[in-house]
Amino acid sequence: MKNIRRVFIFSIYLLLTTAVALSQTVTKGTELNYSGFYNVKQFGAKGDSTTLNTEAINRAIDAASSAGGGTVYFPAGNYLSYSIRLKSNITIYLDNGADLIAAIPVQGQTGYDAPEPNQWDMYQDFGHSHWHNSLIWGENLENIAITGYGRITGNGLTREARQGQGPGNKAIALKLCRNVVIKDISILKGGHFCLLATGVDNMTIDNVKLDTNRDGFDIDCCRHVHISNCSVNAPFDDAIVLKSSFGLGFAKVTEDVTITNCSVSGFDIGSFLNCTYLKNEAGRVPDRGVVTGRIKFGTESNGGFRNITISNCTFEFCRGLALETVDGGILEDVTVTNVTMRDIQGAPFFFRIGSRMRGPAGTPVGKLRRVNISNVVVYSSNPDYASLIFGIPGYDIEDIKMSNLTILVKGGATKEQSEIVVPEKENGYPDPQQFGKIPAYGFYIRHVKNIELMNVELMLENEDLRPPFIIEDVNGASFINVRVPHKEGVPSFILKNVLDFSTVNCGSLPDKKIDKAENLKL
């Protein structure tokens, strides 16, 4: 027994002496660093809100990289910086009280790294074509992480595209990387994108909070991505958006993605992180109409999307879910379940095939098929819109199933709105507001093959003189246990050029099986 005690005491002694030795090694800065931690202050960073720390931060990254990898550590402080160049096997750790601030360029300073050349930038927006002009960027890296409970503040980041050096464009930009973790940080005003990840495989984003002036997460041409427990407030643009651009010079599918336990919103910038949740700027979103803040697939959609799930998410004071393929990609095999949408400013659901065709000549029009939506509750507060499921002539959306939906619509539209003719806009920008006011208050379904709505209830807050459903150029439409308010003189369904239509147990509407309807009101 005495020998056991001696061994135990000696083991404790070894642990304590090792810890002391390691802590002493950390304080020696650029000497051999056995701990794997590289404190940016030991490389010259001040964190005093005024000193530019770019060179010190990059020296710390270089030292960690030379040792084979490690953690570049930011203790509490305010660190002004221009472009930070990540390397493989590096973790950026922002401790509580640490704020990495994108510096505002001043005369006599180079500013952020210049946007690198990209011969393919004619096929997507400027922001999707360049990565180096960012606060933190990395290319062709592996095993990297940005984590900690600190914050990134994008004071020197522009929300617009800029040529040459000067303001930064994005908070974090990663190209052709693998094995990436972004966890626990917060970002305020992340510029054009808080995160642009292009061609990144095996990425986990968890417990991140964004309160930003343009896009939140842009996941572009990526595979095996898991986004969980994140909150994204993005009134001026999309919150969580999957894309598949041609920015890499070839078409690449975004696939094997999960988005779970997340919230998206469109509150005033800054009012999400300080928990005041203001709406004072509603209606003043530059060139965007109503606030955005949604989950979306597209707009860049050359490579396509597949094998994606969205679950247990909330939308508040923003637009609804958008699934778009307009540049030739195939969008297929998507499941969305357990979602609530509150105070939705646009279409609760927007599914769109289009023929904008940003990409090399000869790319065919894409496909949108095999999408299941279930267990969704919606309060839609904008009476101008309905849910839109729009293919284009000759290119149908296929195999859509929607079940267990409860949708409360503000309503209040006039009979005149019910007579509006909605344009096709095959080549236009894909967004519900491009189509103007909608003549149905529930769903407008056009150019679709095989759609089923089951256990769906539509409710009105105010009397509305539009029909709940307009079905146009559809082959195969089943409505099972669909309940809608009935207004005398207002049809429940308007059918235009419809084949194989059926209703079962739809309230006061008798069960029907219609083989063909060219122009019919039910």
Protein backbone atom coordinates (compact mmCIF):
# COMPACT_ATOMS: atom_id res chain seq x y z
CA MET A 1 0.00 0.00 0.00
CA LYS A 2 2.89 2.38 0.81
CA ASN A 3 4.39 1.72 -2.63
CA ILE A 4 1.08 2.59 -4.27
CA ARG A 5 0.96 5.88 -2.35
CA ARG A 6 4.54 6.70 -3.38
CA VAL A 7 3.74 6.02 -7.05
CA PHE A 8 0.61 8.18 -6.84
CA ILE A 9 2.43 11.08 -5.16
CA PHE A 10 5.29 10.87 -7.66
CA SER A 11 2.81 10.91 -10.57
CA ILE A 12 1.15 14.06 -9.23
CA TYR A 13 4.57 15.65 -8.83
CA LEU A 14 5.45 14.88 -12.45
CA LEU A 15 2.18 16.37 -13.68
CA LEU A 16 2.69 19.58 -11.69
CA THR A 17 6.30 20.06 -12.72
CA THR A 18 5.43 19.41 -16.37
CA ALA A 19 2.63 21.97 -16.25
CA VAL A 20 4.95 24.57 -14.72
CA ALA A 21 7.58 23.88 -17.36
CA LEU A 22 5.07 24.23 -20.17
CA SER A 23 3.71 27.49 -18.78
CA GLN A 24 7.25 28.85 -18.57
CA THR A 25 7.87 27.79 -22.16
CA VAL A 26 4.78 29.73 -23.32
CA THR A 27 6.13 32.94 -21.75
CA LYS A 28 9.34 32.66 -23.77
CA GLY A 29 7.53 33.64 -26.97
CA THR A 30 9.52 32.66 -30.02
CA GLU A 31 11.58 29.95 -28.36
CA LEU A 32 10.72 26.28 -28.84
CA ASN A 33 7.07 26.01 -27.84
CA TYR A 34 6.25 22.63 -26.37
CA SER A 35 2.73 23.67 -25.41
CA GLY A 36 1.50 24.21 -28.95
CA PHE A 37 0.00 27.56 -27.91
CA TYR A 38 1.23 30.74 -29.61
CA ASN A 39 0.04 33.87 -27.83
CA VAL A 40 -0.16 36.69 -30.38
CA LYS A 41 0.98 39.19 -27.73
CA GLN A 42 4.29 37.36 -27.47
CA PHE A 43 4.78 38.06 -31.18
CA GLY A 44 4.16 41.80 -30.86
CA ALA A 45 0.36 42.14 -30.92
CA LYS A 46 -0.97 44.83 -28.60
CA GLY A 47 -4.74 44.36 -28.58
CA ASP A 48 -5.14 47.99 -27.56
CA SER A 49 -7.78 49.08 -30.12
CA THR A 50 -5.33 51.37 -31.95
CA THR A 51 -2.20 49.40 -32.93
CA LEU A 52 -2.28 47.49 -36.22
CA ASN A 53 -1.53 43.85 -35.36
CA THR A 54 -1.44 42.21 -38.81
CA GLU A 55 2.29 41.40 -38.89
CA ALA A 56 2.34 40.08 -35.32
CA ILE A 57 -0.62 37.77 -35.94
CA ASN A 58 0.87 36.39 -39.13
CA ARG A 59 4.23 35.87 -37.35
CA ALA A 60 2.45 33.78 -34.73
CA ILE A 61 0.78 31.69 -37.47
CA ASP A 62 4.13 31.22 -39.24
CA ALA A 63 5.79 30.09 -36.00
CA ALA A 64 3.04 27.57 -35.27
CA SER A 65 3.16 26.30 -38.84
CA SER A 66 6.95 25.87 -38.70
CA ALA A 67 6.53 23.70 -35.61
CA GLY A 68 4.02 21.48 -37.44
CA GLY A 69 0.88 23.24 -36.21
CA GLY A 70 -0.69 24.60 -33.07
CA THR A 71 -3.12 27.11 -31.60
CA VAL A 72 -2.68 30.82 -32.23
CA TYR A 73 -4.16 32.34 -29.11
CA PHE A 74 -5.81 35.75 -28.74
CA PRO A 75 -6.26 36.75 -25.07
CA ALA A 76 -8.77 39.46 -24.16
CA GLY A 77 -8.17 42.66 -26.12
CA ASN A 78 -9.15 44.54 -29.28
CA TYR A 79 -6.92 43.50 -32.20
CA LEU A 80 -6.96 45.67 -35.32
CA SER A 81 -5.78 43.77 -38.37
CA TYR A 82 -5.72 43.51 -42.14
CA SER A 83 -5.50 40.16 -43.95
CA ILE A 84 -4.59 37.15 -41.79
CA ARG A 85 -3.21 34.23 -43.81
CA LEU A 86 -4.16 30.84 -42.41
CA LYS A 87 -1.98 27.77 -42.81
CA SER A 88 -2.60 24.05 -42.40
CA ASN A 89 -2.85 22.51 -38.93
CA ILE A 90 -3.61 25.88 -37.30
CA THR A 91 -6.35 26.76 -34.82
CA ILE A 92 -7.24 30.41 -34.30
CA TYR A 93 -8.57 30.73 -30.75
CA LEU A 94 -10.35 33.94 -29.72
CA ASP A 95 -10.72 33.92 -25.95
CA ASN A 96 -13.55 35.56 -24.06
CA GLY A 97 -13.07 39.33 -24.34
CA ALA A 98 -10.99 39.07 -27.52
CA ASP A 99 -12.27 41.10 -30.49
CA LEU A 100 -10.51 40.66 -33.83
CA ILE A 101 -11.39 43.89 -35.64
CA ALA A 102 -11.10 44.31 -39.40
CA ALA A 103 -9.16 47.58 -39.61
CA ILE A 104 -10.36 50.50 -41.72
CA PRO A 105 -7.62 51.20 -44.30
CA VAL A 106 -5.87 54.55 -43.90
CA GLN A 107 -3.65 56.51 -46.26
CA GLY A 108 -0.13 55.12 -46.43
CA GLN A 109 -1.15 51.56 -45.54
CA THR A 110 -1.54 48.77 -48.09
CA GLY A 111 -4.71 47.48 -46.51
CA TYR A 112 -6.09 44.03 -47.24
CA ASP A 113 -4.60 41.56 -49.69
CA ALA A 114 -5.70 42.22 -53.25
CA PRO A 115 -8.33 39.98 -54.85
CA GLU A 116 -6.46 37.28 -56.76
CA PRO A 117 -7.05 36.86 -60.51
CA ASN A 118 -9.86 34.49 -61.51
CA GLN A 119 -10.49 33.82 -65.19
CA TRP A 120 -13.95 32.48 -64.35
CA ASP A 121 -15.30 35.53 -62.55
CA MET A 122 -17.76 36.34 -65.34
CA TYR A 123 -19.93 33.42 -64.20
CA GLN A 124 -20.71 34.59 -60.65
CA ASP A 125 -20.75 37.72 -58.53
CA PHE A 126 -17.41 39.31 -57.64
CA GLY A 127 -17.67 38.19 -54.03
CA HIS A 128 -17.83 34.53 -55.06
CA SER A 129 -14.78 34.80 -57.32
CA HIS A 130 -12.10 36.03 -54.87
CA TRP A 131 -10.91 34.94 -51.42
CA HIS A 132 -7.64 36.74 -50.59
CA ASN A 133 -9.26 40.15 -50.04
CA SER A 134 -10.60 39.07 -46.65
CA LEU A 135 -9.82 39.46 -42.97
CA ILE A 136 -9.00 35.75 -42.58
CA TRP A 137 -8.30 33.63 -45.65
CA GLY A 138 -6.87 30.24 -46.51
CA GLU A 139 -6.39 28.25 -49.70
CA ASN A 140 -5.50 24.57 -50.21
CA LEU A 141 -5.31 23.94 -46.47
CA GLU A 142 -6.19 21.06 -44.16
CA ASN A 143 -6.96 20.66 -40.48
CA ILE A 144 -7.85 24.24 -39.56
CA ALA A 145 -10.16 25.74 -36.95
CA ILE A 146 -11.46 29.13 -35.85
CA THR A 147 -12.94 28.88 -32.39
CA GLY A 148 -13.33 30.41 -28.94
CA TYR A 149 -15.91 32.68 -27.31
CA GLY A 150 -14.47 35.91 -28.71
CA ARG A 151 -15.72 38.04 -31.58
CA ILE A 152 -14.83 39.24 -35.06
CA THR A 153 -15.96 42.78 -35.90
CA GLY A 154 -15.90 43.84 -39.55
CA ASN A 155 -15.41 47.60 -39.33
CA GLY A 156 -13.09 47.64 -42.34
CA LEU A 157 -15.09 45.19 -44.48
CA THR A 158 -17.30 46.38 -47.31
CA ARG A 159 -20.61 44.77 -48.15
CA GLU A 160 -20.05 45.61 -51.82
CA ALA A 161 -17.66 44.25 -54.47
CA ARG A 162 -14.39 46.21 -54.73
CA GLN A 163 -11.53 45.87 -57.20
CA GLY A 164 -7.91 46.28 -56.05
CA GLN A 165 -6.59 46.70 -52.54
CA GLY A 166 -8.36 48.70 -49.90
CA PRO A 167 -11.33 47.56 -47.79
CA GLY A 168 -11.70 43.86 -47.11
CA ASN A 169 -14.62 41.97 -48.60
CA LYS A 170 -15.29 39.04 -46.25
CA ALA A 171 -14.63 38.10 -42.63
CA ILE A 172 -13.52 34.53 -43.43
CA ALA A 173 -12.81 33.06 -46.88
CA LEU A 174 -11.69 29.46 -47.49
CA LYS A 175 -10.96 27.85 -50.84
CA LEU A 176 -10.23 24.17 -51.54
CA CYS A 177 -9.71 23.24 -47.90
CA ARG A 178 -10.56 20.13 -45.92
CA ASN A 179 -11.21 19.23 -42.30
CA VAL A 180 -12.43 22.62 -41.05
CA VAL A 181 -14.07 23.55 -37.74
CA ILE A 182 -15.64 26.93 -36.92
CA LYS A 183 -17.09 26.97 -33.44
CA ASP A 184 -18.44 29.26 -30.72
CA ILE A 185 -17.34 32.62 -32.17
CA SER A 186 -19.53 35.64 -32.93
CA ILE A 187 -19.26 37.94 -35.93
CA LEU A 188 -20.62 41.49 -36.14
CA LYS A 189 -20.81 43.11 -39.61
CA GLY A 190 -19.01 40.43 -41.59
CA GLY A 191 -18.88 42.34 -44.90
CA HIS A 192 -20.01 40.76 -48.15
CA PHE A 193 -20.02 37.34 -46.44
CA CYS A 194 -19.21 36.37 -42.87
CA LEU A 195 -17.99 33.07 -44.29
CA LEU A 196 -17.34 32.11 -47.90
CA ALA A 197 -16.36 28.45 -48.08
CA THR A 198 -15.74 27.28 -51.65
CA GLY A 199 -14.67 23.74 -52.46
CA VAL A 200 -14.37 22.85 -48.77
CA ASP A 201 -14.86 19.23 -47.65
CA ASN A 202 -15.54 17.96 -44.14
CA MET A 203 -16.58 21.19 -42.40
CA THR A 204 -18.34 21.60 -39.06
CA ILE A 205 -19.88 24.92 -38.00
CA ASP A 206 -21.33 24.88 -34.48
CA ASN A 207 -22.68 27.41 -31.97
CA VAL A 208 -21.74 30.43 -34.08
CA LYS A 209 -23.63 33.74 -33.85
CA LEU A 210 -23.69 36.15 -36.78
CA ASP A 211 -25.19 39.65 -36.83
CA THR A 212 -24.26 40.98 -40.22
CA ASN A 213 -24.77 43.47 -43.03
CA ARG A 214 -24.86 41.01 -45.97
CA ASP A 215 -24.69 37.18 -46.20
CA GLY A 216 -24.03 34.96 -43.21
CA PHE A 217 -22.74 31.53 -44.26
CA ASP A 218 -22.12 30.93 -47.97
CA ILE A 219 -21.43 27.22 -48.50
CA ASP A 220 -20.31 26.93 -52.13
CA CYS A 221 -19.28 23.72 -53.93
CA CYS A 222 -18.76 21.98 -50.58
CA ARG A 223 -19.23 18.39 -49.42
CA HIS A 224 -19.89 16.92 -45.99
CA VAL A 225 -20.87 20.10 -44.16
CA HIS A 226 -22.64 20.18 -40.81
CA ILE A 227 -24.13 23.45 -39.53
CA SER A 228 -25.69 23.21 -36.07
CA ASN A 229 -26.83 25.37 -33.15
CA CYS A 230 -26.13 28.60 -35.05
CA SER A 231 -27.99 31.94 -35.04
CA VAL A 232 -27.72 34.15 -38.10
CA ASN A 233 -29.23 37.64 -38.29
CA ALA A 234 -28.88 39.02 -41.83
CA PRO A 235 -31.51 41.64 -42.72
CA PHE A 236 -29.77 42.77 -45.93
CA ASP A 237 -29.21 39.35 -47.50
CA ASP A 238 -29.33 35.59 -46.96
CA ALA A 239 -28.52 34.05 -43.59
CA ILE A 240 -27.55 30.46 -44.43
CA VAL A 241 -27.15 29.92 -48.17
CA LEU A 242 -25.92 26.94 -50.16
CA LYS A 243 -24.43 27.73 -53.57
CA SER A 244 -22.64 25.94 -56.38
CA SER A 245 -20.87 28.56 -58.48
CA PHE A 246 -18.32 28.18 -61.28
CA GLY A 247 -15.75 30.09 -59.22
CA LEU A 248 -13.35 27.11 -59.13
CA GLY A 249 -13.35 26.84 -62.92
CA PHE A 250 -15.45 23.68 -62.94
CA ALA A 251 -18.92 22.62 -61.83
CA LYS A 252 -18.98 21.03 -58.36
CA VAL A 253 -22.05 19.83 -56.47
CA THR A 254 -22.80 21.04 -52.96
CA GLU A 255 -23.85 17.82 -51.24
CA ASP A 256 -24.12 15.88 -48.01
CA VAL A 257 -25.11 18.90 -45.93
CA THR A 258 -27.03 19.04 -42.66
CA ILE A 259 -28.47 22.22 -41.15
CA THR A 260 -30.00 21.64 -37.72
CA ASN A 261 -31.04 23.53 -34.58
CA CYS A 262 -30.42 26.92 -36.22
CA SER A 263 -32.30 30.23 -36.22
CA VAL A 264 -32.33 32.86 -38.97
CA SER A 265 -33.75 36.38 -38.75
CA GLY A 266 -33.82 39.90 -40.20
CA PHE A 267 -33.63 42.21 -37.17
CA ASP A 268 -31.70 45.49 -37.32
CA ILE A 269 -27.94 44.96 -37.53
CA GLY A 270 -26.38 44.77 -34.09
CA SER A 271 -29.67 44.25 -32.30
CA PHE A 272 -29.36 40.48 -32.38
CA LEU A 273 -26.05 40.22 -30.53
CA ASN A 274 -27.17 42.77 -27.94
CA CYS A 275 -30.52 40.98 -27.64
CA THR A 276 -32.75 43.99 -28.32
CA TYR A 277 -34.17 42.48 -31.59
CA LEU A 278 -35.17 45.78 -33.18
CA LYS A 279 -37.20 46.25 -36.36
CA ASN A 280 -36.78 50.01 -36.77
CA GLU A 281 -35.11 49.70 -40.18
CA ALA A 282 -37.84 47.49 -41.65
CA GLY A 283 -38.59 48.49 -45.22
CA ARG A 284 -35.26 50.30 -45.65
CA VAL A 285 -33.14 47.40 -46.87
CA PRO A 286 -31.06 48.67 -49.82
CA ASP A 287 -32.02 47.06 -53.16
CA ARG A 288 -33.56 44.08 -51.40
CA GLY A 289 -37.13 45.18 -50.73
CA VAL A 290 -38.22 43.44 -47.55
CA VAL A 291 -35.67 42.03 -45.11
CA THR A 292 -33.98 38.80 -46.18
CA GLY A 293 -32.36 36.64 -43.46
CA ARG A 294 -33.53 33.27 -44.79
CA ILE A 295 -32.19 29.79 -45.61
CA LYS A 296 -31.67 29.45 -49.36
CA PHE A 297 -30.21 27.17 -52.05
CA GLY A 298 -28.85 29.32 -54.94
CA THR A 299 -28.62 31.86 -56.52
CA GLU A 300 -25.29 30.62 -57.97
CA SER A 301 -26.33 27.12 -58.99
CA ASN A 302 -24.12 25.80 -61.77
CA GLY A 303 -22.98 22.63 -59.99
CA GLY A 304 -26.23 21.75 -58.21
CA PHE A 305 -27.27 20.44 -54.79
CA ARG A 306 -28.09 16.99 -53.44
CA ASN A 307 -28.50 14.93 -50.30
CA ILE A 308 -29.33 17.76 -47.91
CA THR A 309 -31.39 17.93 -44.72
CA ILE A 310 -32.74 20.90 -42.77
CA SER A 311 -34.29 20.20 -39.37
CA ASN A 312 -35.35 21.89 -36.14
CA CYS A 313 -34.86 25.46 -37.40
CA THR A 314 -36.68 28.74 -36.77
CA PHE A 315 -37.22 31.72 -39.08
CA GLU A 316 -38.24 35.07 -37.59
CA PHE A 317 -38.93 38.44 -39.25
CA CYS A 318 -37.33 37.36 -42.54
CA ARG A 319 -38.15 35.65 -45.82
CA GLY A 320 -39.00 31.96 -46.07
CA LEU A 321 -37.23 28.89 -47.42
CA ALA A 322 -35.92 29.18 -51.01
CA LEU A 323 -34.78 26.29 -53.20
CA GLU A 324 -33.48 27.56 -56.54
CA THR A 325 -31.59 26.19 -59.51
CA VAL A 326 -31.23 28.70 -62.32
CA ASP A 327 -27.74 28.07 -63.77
CA GLY A 328 -28.02 24.44 -64.89
CA GLY A 329 -27.44 22.51 -61.66
CA ILE A 330 -29.59 19.61 -60.47
CA LEU A 331 -31.26 20.17 -57.09
CA GLU A 332 -32.47 16.85 -55.68
CA ASP A 333 -32.98 14.69 -52.60
CA VAL A 334 -33.77 17.30 -49.96
CA THR A 335 -35.63 16.86 -46.69
CA VAL A 336 -36.92 19.71 -44.51
CA THR A 337 -38.65 18.93 -41.21
CA ASN A 338 -39.61 20.50 -37.88
CA VAL A 339 -39.46 24.16 -38.85
CA THR A 340 -41.32 27.20 -37.55
CA MET A 341 -41.54 30.51 -39.41
CA ARG A 342 -42.77 33.63 -37.64
CA ASP A 343 -43.52 37.03 -39.20
CA ILE A 344 -42.43 35.94 -42.67
CA GLN A 345 -41.91 38.90 -45.03
CA GLY A 346 -42.01 37.06 -48.35
CA ALA A 347 -43.04 33.68 -49.74
CA PRO A 348 -42.94 31.01 -47.01
CA PHE A 349 -41.78 28.49 -49.65
CA PHE A 350 -40.13 29.39 -52.96
CA PHE A 351 -39.08 26.57 -55.29
CA ARG A 352 -37.69 27.69 -58.63
CA ILE A 353 -36.23 26.28 -61.84
CA GLY A 354 -34.95 29.10 -64.06
CA SER A 355 -32.78 29.63 -67.10
CA ARG A 356 -30.51 32.49 -66.07
CA MET A 357 -27.64 30.15 -67.09
CA ARG A 358 -24.53 31.67 -65.56
CA GLY A 359 -21.91 29.21 -66.73
CA PRO A 360 -20.12 27.95 -69.83
CA ALA A 361 -22.10 27.92 -73.06
CA GLY A 362 -24.08 24.76 -73.69
CA THR A 363 -24.98 24.06 -70.06
CA PRO A 364 -28.53 22.63 -70.04
CA VAL A 365 -31.35 23.91 -67.82
CA GLY A 366 -31.28 22.22 -64.43
CA LYS A 367 -33.74 20.03 -62.55
CA LEU A 368 -35.46 20.33 -59.17
CA ARG A 369 -36.87 17.07 -57.85
CA ARG A 370 -37.49 14.80 -54.87
CA VAL A 371 -38.09 17.29 -52.07
CA ASN A 372 -39.95 16.39 -48.87
CA ILE A 373 -41.22 19.11 -46.51
CA SER A 374 -42.95 18.13 -43.25
CA ASN A 375 -43.98 19.45 -39.84
CA VAL A 376 -43.88 23.19 -40.51
CA VAL A 377 -45.76 26.03 -38.81
CA VAL A 378 -45.85 29.43 -40.57
CA TYR A 379 -47.19 32.88 -39.82
CA SER A 380 -46.90 34.89 -43.04
CA SER A 381 -47.33 38.59 -42.40
CA ASN A 382 -46.97 39.97 -45.94
CA PRO A 383 -50.27 39.72 -47.86
CA ASP A 384 -48.60 40.30 -51.24
CA TYR A 385 -47.05 36.84 -51.40
CA ALA A 386 -47.96 33.18 -51.39
CA SER A 387 -45.80 30.07 -51.51
CA LEU A 388 -44.51 29.73 -55.08
CA ILE A 389 -43.51 26.46 -56.74
CA PHE A 390 -42.47 27.57 -60.22
CA GLY A 391 -40.79 25.64 -62.99
CA ILE A 392 -40.58 27.16 -66.45
CA PRO A 393 -42.25 26.03 -69.70
CA GLY A 394 -40.76 22.71 -70.73
CA TYR A 395 -38.89 22.20 -67.45
CA ASP A 396 -41.06 20.91 -64.63
CA ILE A 397 -40.28 20.71 -60.94
CA GLU A 398 -40.83 17.06 -60.03
CA ASP A 399 -41.87 14.88 -57.09
CA ILE A 400 -42.63 17.30 -54.28
CA LYS A 401 -44.27 16.13 -51.05
CA MET A 402 -45.46 18.53 -48.35
CA SER A 403 -47.19 17.29 -45.22
CA ASN A 404 -48.28 18.47 -41.79
CA LEU A 405 -48.21 22.18 -42.57
CA THR A 406 -50.07 24.89 -40.68
CA ILE A 407 -49.94 28.29 -42.39
CA LEU A 408 -51.58 31.43 -41.02
CA VAL A 409 -51.73 34.17 -43.66
CA LYS A 410 -52.33 37.81 -42.81
CA GLY A 411 -54.59 38.15 -45.84
CA GLY A 412 -56.61 41.24 -46.70
CA ALA A 413 -56.09 41.18 -50.49
CA THR A 414 -58.78 42.47 -52.85
CA LYS A 415 -60.55 40.77 -55.73
CA GLU A 416 -58.42 42.84 -58.11
CA GLN A 417 -55.29 41.15 -56.79
CA SER A 418 -56.85 37.77 -57.53
CA GLU A 419 -56.96 38.70 -61.23
CA ILE A 420 -53.26 39.55 -61.61
CA VAL A 421 -51.38 37.60 -64.28
CA VAL A 422 -47.99 36.45 -62.98
CA PRO A 423 -45.15 36.63 -65.55
CA GLU A 424 -42.85 33.69 -66.25
CA LYS A 425 -39.50 35.54 -66.04
CA GLU A 426 -37.57 32.41 -67.10
CA ASN A 427 -34.24 34.26 -67.39
CA GLY A 428 -34.66 36.65 -64.47
CA TYR A 429 -33.17 36.80 -61.00
CA PRO A 430 -34.92 34.15 -58.87
CA ASP A 431 -36.75 35.83 -56.03
CA PRO A 432 -40.46 36.00 -55.15
CA GLN A 433 -40.57 39.78 -55.25
CA GLN A 434 -39.57 39.66 -58.94
CA PHE A 435 -43.05 38.28 -59.70
CA GLY A 436 -44.97 41.08 -57.99
CA LYS A 437 -48.20 40.57 -56.08
CA ILE A 438 -49.57 37.05 -56.21
CA PRO A 439 -53.23 36.20 -57.07
CA ALA A 440 -53.42 33.30 -54.57
CA TYR A 441 -52.90 33.51 -50.82
CA GLY A 442 -51.75 29.94 -50.17
CA PHE A 443 -49.88 28.30 -53.06
CA TYR A 444 -49.31 29.12 -56.70
CA ILE A 445 -48.03 25.92 -58.36
CA ARG A 446 -46.90 26.14 -61.99
CA HIS A 447 -44.96 23.82 -64.33
CA VAL A 448 -44.80 20.89 -61.92
CA LYS A 449 -45.02 17.12 -62.26
CA ASN A 450 -46.24 15.09 -59.28
CA ILE A 451 -46.92 17.15 -56.20
CA GLU A 452 -48.71 16.00 -53.05
CA LEU A 453 -50.00 18.14 -50.18
CA MET A 454 -51.27 16.17 -47.18
CA ASN A 455 -52.53 17.32 -43.80
CA VAL A 456 -52.25 21.00 -44.68
CA GLU A 457 -54.26 23.77 -43.04
CA LEU A 458 -54.42 27.32 -44.33
CA MET A 459 -55.88 30.04 -42.11
CA LEU A 460 -56.60 33.73 -42.67
CA GLU A 461 -56.12 36.54 -40.19
CA ASN A 462 -58.17 38.89 -42.41
CA GLU A 463 -60.70 38.26 -45.14
CA ASP A 464 -58.99 37.64 -48.47
CA LEU A 465 -60.70 37.52 -51.88
CA ARG A 466 -58.03 35.43 -53.58
CA PRO A 467 -58.25 31.65 -53.94
CA PRO A 468 -55.96 29.61 -51.69
CA PHE A 469 -54.60 27.54 -54.61
CA ILE A 470 -53.80 28.23 -58.25
CA ILE A 471 -52.59 25.15 -60.14
CA GLU A 472 -51.26 25.76 -63.67
CA ASP A 473 -49.60 23.40 -66.17
CA VAL A 474 -49.33 20.58 -63.64
CA ASN A 475 -49.38 16.84 -64.26
CA GLY A 476 -50.25 14.94 -61.10
CA ALA A 477 -51.52 16.93 -58.10
CA SER A 478 -52.94 15.25 -54.98
CA PHE A 479 -54.50 17.12 -52.06
CA ILE A 480 -55.27 14.94 -49.03
CA ASN A 481 -56.87 16.35 -45.89
CA VAL A 482 -56.25 19.95 -46.94
CA ARG A 483 -58.36 22.50 -45.06
CA VAL A 484 -58.89 26.10 -46.18
CA PRO A 485 -61.33 28.88 -45.21
CA HIS A 486 -64.33 28.98 -47.51
CA LYS A 487 -65.55 32.35 -48.76
CA GLU A 488 -68.77 32.46 -50.76
CA GLY A 489 -67.97 33.21 -54.39
CA VAL A 490 -64.23 32.53 -54.03
CA PRO A 491 -63.02 29.17 -55.37
CA SER A 492 -60.69 26.95 -53.37
CA PHE A 493 -58.81 25.82 -56.49
CA ILE A 494 -58.24 27.36 -59.90
CA LEU A 495 -57.01 24.70 -62.35
CA LYS A 496 -55.39 25.71 -65.65
CA ASN A 497 -54.11 23.03 -68.01
CA VAL A 498 -53.98 20.38 -65.27
CA LEU A 499 -53.80 16.58 -65.64
CA ASP A 500 -54.50 13.94 -62.99
CA PHE A 501 -55.81 16.14 -60.16
CA SER A 502 -57.44 14.73 -57.03
CA THR A 503 -58.78 15.83 -53.66
CA VAL A 504 -59.53 13.52 -50.72
CA ASN A 505 -61.11 14.59 -47.43
CA CYS A 506 -60.64 18.30 -48.12
CA GLY A 507 -63.28 19.78 -45.84
CA SER A 508 -66.42 21.00 -47.57
CA LEU A 509 -64.99 20.20 -51.00
CA PRO A 510 -66.24 16.82 -52.26
CA ASP A 511 -63.65 14.18 -53.09
CA LYS A 512 -62.74 14.57 -56.74
CA LYS A 513 -60.66 12.82 -59.37
CA ILE A 514 -60.17 14.93 -62.50
CA ASP A 515 -58.24 13.56 -65.44
CA LYS A 516 -57.98 16.85 -67.32
CA ALA A 517 -58.94 20.45 -66.60
CA GLU A 518 -58.16 23.28 -69.01
CA ASN A 519 -59.80 26.05 -66.98
CA LEU A 520 -61.78 24.99 -63.93
CA LYS A 521 -62.74 26.53 -60.60
CA LEU A 522 -63.58 24.34 -57.61
